Amino acid sequence: MGAQIYAYLMSEDARRQANFYIEALGGEIQFLATYGDTPGTPEAMKDKVMHLAVNVAGTNTIMFADSMEPVSYHRSTSLSLVYDDLEEATAAYAKLSQGGESRYPFALQPWGAHYGEVIDPFGVTWMISKQ
């Protein structure tokens, strides 16, 4: 028996964050449900995202929900993107860093791979490499 791990990000604006990743990495929304889809939801919550799934950078799935409290991402968790193509990796690094922070410049490393690290505008750390 096997299993798959998917990143599930709590967000202060799940739609905006998902659309940023779609623009930066290519992809599309696979599923979107709001709290308004649930009977009895208070009016102020109806447009909030209960579950949103996107495919980005090929067939990678990231899931989101709007958080009911402030969101804080920690350095102990990062998303890693590994590319076969240097041009795609370089473009992903540049796009994810727009409005964010370059933590480690994307460059050829002593171990023979290109690698860089960025914190995107939403506070998520991305480790990008070309093997």
C-alpha atoms as a PDB file:
ATOM      1  CA  MET A   1       0.000   0.000   0.000  1.00  0.00           C
ATOM      2  CA  GLY A   2       1.236   3.488  -0.739  1.00  0.00           C
ATOM      3  CA  ALA A   3       0.310   7.041   0.022  1.00  0.00           C
ATOM      4  CA  GLN A   4       0.935  10.492  -1.362  1.00  0.00           C
ATOM      5  CA  ILE A   5       1.819  13.626   0.562  1.00  0.00           C
ATOM      6  CA  TYR A   6       0.300  16.932  -0.511  1.00  0.00           C
ATOM      7  CA  ALA A   7       1.109  20.363   0.829  1.00  0.00           C
ATOM      8  CA  TYR A   8      -1.979  21.883   2.503  1.00  0.00           C
ATOM      9  CA  LEU A   9      -1.502  25.566   3.195  1.00  0.00           C
ATOM     10  CA  MET A  10      -3.634  27.611   5.533  1.00  0.00           C
ATOM     11  CA  SER A  11      -3.871  31.074   4.024  1.00  0.00           C
ATOM     12  CA  GLU A  12      -5.118  34.545   4.793  1.00  0.00           C
ATOM     13  CA  ASP A  13      -6.286  34.737   1.135  1.00  0.00           C
ATOM     14  CA  ALA A  14      -6.342  31.272  -0.420  1.00  0.00           C
ATOM     15  CA  ARG A  15      -7.648  32.393  -3.806  1.00  0.00           C
ATOM     16  CA  ARG A  16      -4.973  35.067  -4.213  1.00  0.00           C
ATOM     17  CA  GLN A  17      -2.201  32.743  -3.044  1.00  0.00           C
ATOM     18  CA  ALA A  18      -3.321  29.916  -5.363  1.00  0.00           C
ATOM     19  CA  ASN A  19      -3.540  32.313  -8.305  1.00  0.00           C
ATOM     20  CA  PHE A  20      -0.025  33.614  -7.559  1.00  0.00           C
ATOM     21  CA  TYR A  21       1.331  30.054  -7.779  1.00  0.00           C
ATOM     22  CA  ILE A  22      -0.646  29.356 -10.961  1.00  0.00           C
ATOM     23  CA  GLU A  23       0.850  32.489 -12.566  1.00  0.00           C
ATOM     24  CA  ALA A  24       4.373  31.743 -11.299  1.00  0.00           C
ATOM     25  CA  LEU A  25       4.487  28.010 -12.002  1.00  0.00           C
ATOM     26  CA  GLY A  26       1.728  27.326 -14.495  1.00  0.00           C
ATOM     27  CA  GLY A  27      -1.287  25.268 -13.558  1.00  0.00           C
ATOM     28  CA  GLU A  28      -4.977  25.436 -12.825  1.00  0.00           C
ATOM     29  CA  ILE A  29      -7.575  25.150 -10.098  1.00  0.00           C
ATOM     30  CA  GLN A  30      -8.843  21.585  -9.784  1.00  0.00           C
ATOM     31  CA  PHE A  31     -11.420  22.100  -7.039  1.00  0.00           C
ATOM     32  CA  LEU A  32     -12.845  24.995  -5.037  1.00  0.00           C
ATOM     33  CA  ALA A  33     -15.396  24.865  -2.223  1.00  0.00           C
ATOM     34  CA  THR A  34     -16.375  27.779  -0.029  1.00  0.00           C
ATOM     35  CA  TYR A  35     -17.972  27.753   3.385  1.00  0.00           C
ATOM     36  CA  GLY A  36     -21.048  29.095   1.591  1.00  0.00           C
ATOM     37  CA  ASP A  37     -21.465  25.607   0.104  1.00  0.00           C
ATOM     38  CA  THR A  38     -22.374  24.444   3.617  1.00  0.00           C
ATOM     39  CA  PRO A  39     -25.923  25.198   4.806  1.00  0.00           C
ATOM     40  CA  GLY A  40     -26.195  27.596   7.722  1.00  0.00           C
ATOM     41  CA  THR A  41     -22.875  29.355   7.126  1.00  0.00           C
ATOM     42  CA  PRO A  42     -22.854  32.946   8.474  1.00  0.00           C
ATOM     43  CA  GLU A  43     -22.962  35.548   5.703  1.00  0.00           C
ATOM     44  CA  ALA A  44     -19.478  36.894   6.570  1.00  0.00           C
ATOM     45  CA  MET A  45     -17.970  33.420   5.977  1.00  0.00           C
ATOM     46  CA  LYS A  46     -19.745  32.442   2.745  1.00  0.00           C
ATOM     47  CA  ASP A  47     -16.965  33.549   0.369  1.00  0.00           C
ATOM     48  CA  LYS A  48     -14.131  32.125   2.477  1.00  0.00           C
ATOM     49  CA  VAL A  49     -12.345  29.118   0.992  1.00  0.00           C
ATOM     50  CA  MET A  50     -13.024  25.851   2.775  1.00  0.00           C
ATOM     51  CA  HIS A  51     -10.949  23.775   0.324  1.00  0.00           C
ATOM     52  CA  LEU A  52      -9.071  24.675  -2.843  1.00  0.00           C
ATOM     53  CA  ALA A  53      -6.829  22.326  -4.840  1.00  0.00           C
ATOM     54  CA  VAL A  54      -4.520  23.456  -7.636  1.00  0.00           C
ATOM     55  CA  ASN A  55      -2.130  21.643  -9.912  1.00  0.00           C
ATOM     56  CA  VAL A  56       1.090  23.595 -10.489  1.00  0.00           C
ATOM     57  CA  ALA A  57       4.383  22.995 -12.300  1.00  0.00           C
ATOM     58  CA  GLY A  58       3.014  19.932 -14.046  1.00  0.00           C
ATOM     59  CA  THR A  59       0.944  17.596 -11.903  1.00  0.00           C
ATOM     60  CA  ASN A  60       1.932  18.783  -8.414  1.00  0.00           C
ATOM     61  CA  THR A  61      -1.051  19.400  -6.153  1.00  0.00           C
ATOM     62  CA  ILE A  62      -1.146  22.092  -3.496  1.00  0.00           C
ATOM     63  CA  MET A  63      -4.243  22.498  -1.360  1.00  0.00           C
ATOM     64  CA  PHE A  64      -5.416  25.604   0.492  1.00  0.00           C
ATOM     65  CA  ALA A  65      -8.005  26.847   2.958  1.00  0.00           C
ATOM     66  CA  ASP A  66      -8.665  30.309   4.328  1.00  0.00           C
ATOM     67  CA  SER A  67      -7.518  30.404   7.929  1.00  0.00           C
ATOM     68  CA  MET A  68      -9.730  31.803  10.625  1.00  0.00           C
ATOM     69  CA  GLU A  69      -6.679  33.149  12.481  1.00  0.00           C
ATOM     70  CA  PRO A  70      -3.476  34.934  11.396  1.00  0.00           C
ATOM     71  CA  VAL A  71      -1.130  32.736   9.366  1.00  0.00           C
ATOM     72  CA  SER A  72       2.545  32.370  10.167  1.00  0.00           C
ATOM     73  CA  TYR A  73       4.805  30.087   8.130  1.00  0.00           C
ATOM     74  CA  HIS A  74       7.930  28.783   9.811  1.00  0.00           C
ATOM     75  CA  ARG A  75      11.345  28.040   8.415  1.00  0.00           C
ATOM     76  CA  SER A  76      11.052  24.414   9.528  1.00  0.00           C
ATOM     77  CA  THR A  77       8.798  23.622   6.548  1.00  0.00           C
ATOM     78  CA  SER A  78       9.701  24.319   2.912  1.00  0.00           C
ATOM     79  CA  LEU A  79       8.310  23.308  -0.462  1.00  0.00           C
ATOM     80  CA  SER A  80      10.878  21.837  -2.831  1.00  0.00           C
ATOM     81  CA  LEU A  81      10.621  22.074  -6.617  1.00  0.00           C
ATOM     82  CA  VAL A  82      13.043  19.933  -8.608  1.00  0.00           C
ATOM     83  CA  TYR A  83      13.266  20.594 -12.338  1.00  0.00           C
ATOM     84  CA  ASP A  84      14.890  18.728 -15.216  1.00  0.00           C
ATOM     85  CA  ASP A  85      15.154  21.966 -17.204  1.00  0.00           C
ATOM     86  CA  LEU A  86      17.431  24.831 -16.109  1.00  0.00           C
ATOM     87  CA  GLU A  87      15.362  27.494 -17.882  1.00  0.00           C
ATOM     88  CA  GLU A  88      12.166  26.394 -16.129  1.00  0.00           C
ATOM     89  CA  ALA A  89      13.917  26.304 -12.750  1.00  0.00           C
ATOM     90  CA  THR A  90      15.381  29.767 -13.268  1.00  0.00           C
ATOM     91  CA  ALA A  91      11.983  31.167 -14.285  1.00  0.00           C
ATOM     92  CA  ALA A  92      10.248  29.589 -11.275  1.00  0.00           C
ATOM     93  CA  TYR A  93      12.826  31.093  -8.927  1.00  0.00           C
ATOM     94  CA  ALA A  94      12.391  34.552 -10.451  1.00  0.00           C
ATOM     95  CA  LYS A  95       8.596  34.444 -10.423  1.00  0.00           C
ATOM     96  CA  LEU A  96       8.239  33.074  -6.883  1.00  0.00           C
ATOM     97  CA  SER A  97      10.626  35.722  -5.564  1.00  0.00           C
ATOM     98  CA  GLN A  98       8.585  38.615  -7.008  1.00  0.00           C
ATOM     99  CA  GLY A  99       7.345  40.519  -3.980  1.00  0.00           C
ATOM    100  CA  GLY A 100       9.163  38.062  -1.735  1.00  0.00           C
ATOM    101  CA  GLU A 101      12.694  37.570  -0.486  1.00  0.00           C
ATOM    102  CA  SER A 102      15.657  35.815  -2.072  1.00  0.00           C
ATOM    103  CA  ARG A 103      17.171  33.720   0.719  1.00  0.00           C
ATOM    104  CA  TYR A 104      19.821  31.984  -1.361  1.00  0.00           C
ATOM    105  CA  PRO A 105      20.608  32.985  -4.966  1.00  0.00           C
ATOM    106  CA  PHE A 106      19.797  30.417  -7.646  1.00  0.00           C
ATOM    107  CA  ALA A 107      23.187  29.237  -8.919  1.00  0.00           C
ATOM    108  CA  LEU A 108      25.324  26.204  -9.689  1.00  0.00           C
ATOM    109  CA  GLN A 109      26.335  24.577  -6.396  1.00  0.00           C
ATOM    110  CA  PRO A 110      29.485  22.607  -5.451  1.00  0.00           C
ATOM    111  CA  TRP A 111      27.470  19.358  -5.488  1.00  0.00           C
ATOM    112  CA  GLY A 112      26.756  19.860  -9.214  1.00  0.00           C
ATOM    113  CA  ALA A 113      23.119  20.986  -9.163  1.00  0.00           C
ATOM    114  CA  HIS A 114      21.610  24.439  -9.508  1.00  0.00           C
ATOM    115  CA  TYR A 115      19.864  25.472  -6.291  1.00  0.00           C
ATOM    116  CA  GLY A 116      18.230  28.540  -4.804  1.00  0.00           C
ATOM    117  CA  GLU A 117      15.869  29.410  -1.987  1.00  0.00           C
ATOM    118  CA  VAL A 118      13.169  32.066  -1.877  1.00  0.00           C
ATOM    119  CA  ILE A 119      10.433  33.138   0.512  1.00  0.00           C
ATOM    120  CA  ASP A 120       7.403  34.079  -1.561  1.00  0.00           C
ATOM    121  CA  PRO A 121       5.139  37.074  -0.767  1.00  0.00           C
ATOM    122  CA  PHE A 122       2.935  34.809   1.363  1.00  0.00           C
ATOM    123  CA  GLY A 123       5.801  33.670   3.602  1.00  0.00           C
ATOM    124  CA  VAL A 124       6.243  30.181   2.107  1.00  0.00           C
ATOM    125  CA  THR A 125       9.845  29.016   1.655  1.00  0.00           C
ATOM    126  CA  TRP A 126      10.616  27.371  -1.700  1.00  0.00           C
ATOM    127  CA  MET A 127      13.756  25.345  -2.380  1.00  0.00           C
ATOM    128  CA  ILE A 128      14.254  25.257  -6.149  1.00  0.00           C
ATOM    129  CA  SER A 129      16.758  23.028  -7.877  1.00  0.00           C
ATOM    130  CA  LYS A 130      17.718  21.684 -11.256  1.00  0.00           C
ATOM    131  CA  GLN A 131      19.184  18.198 -11.062  1.00  0.00           C
END
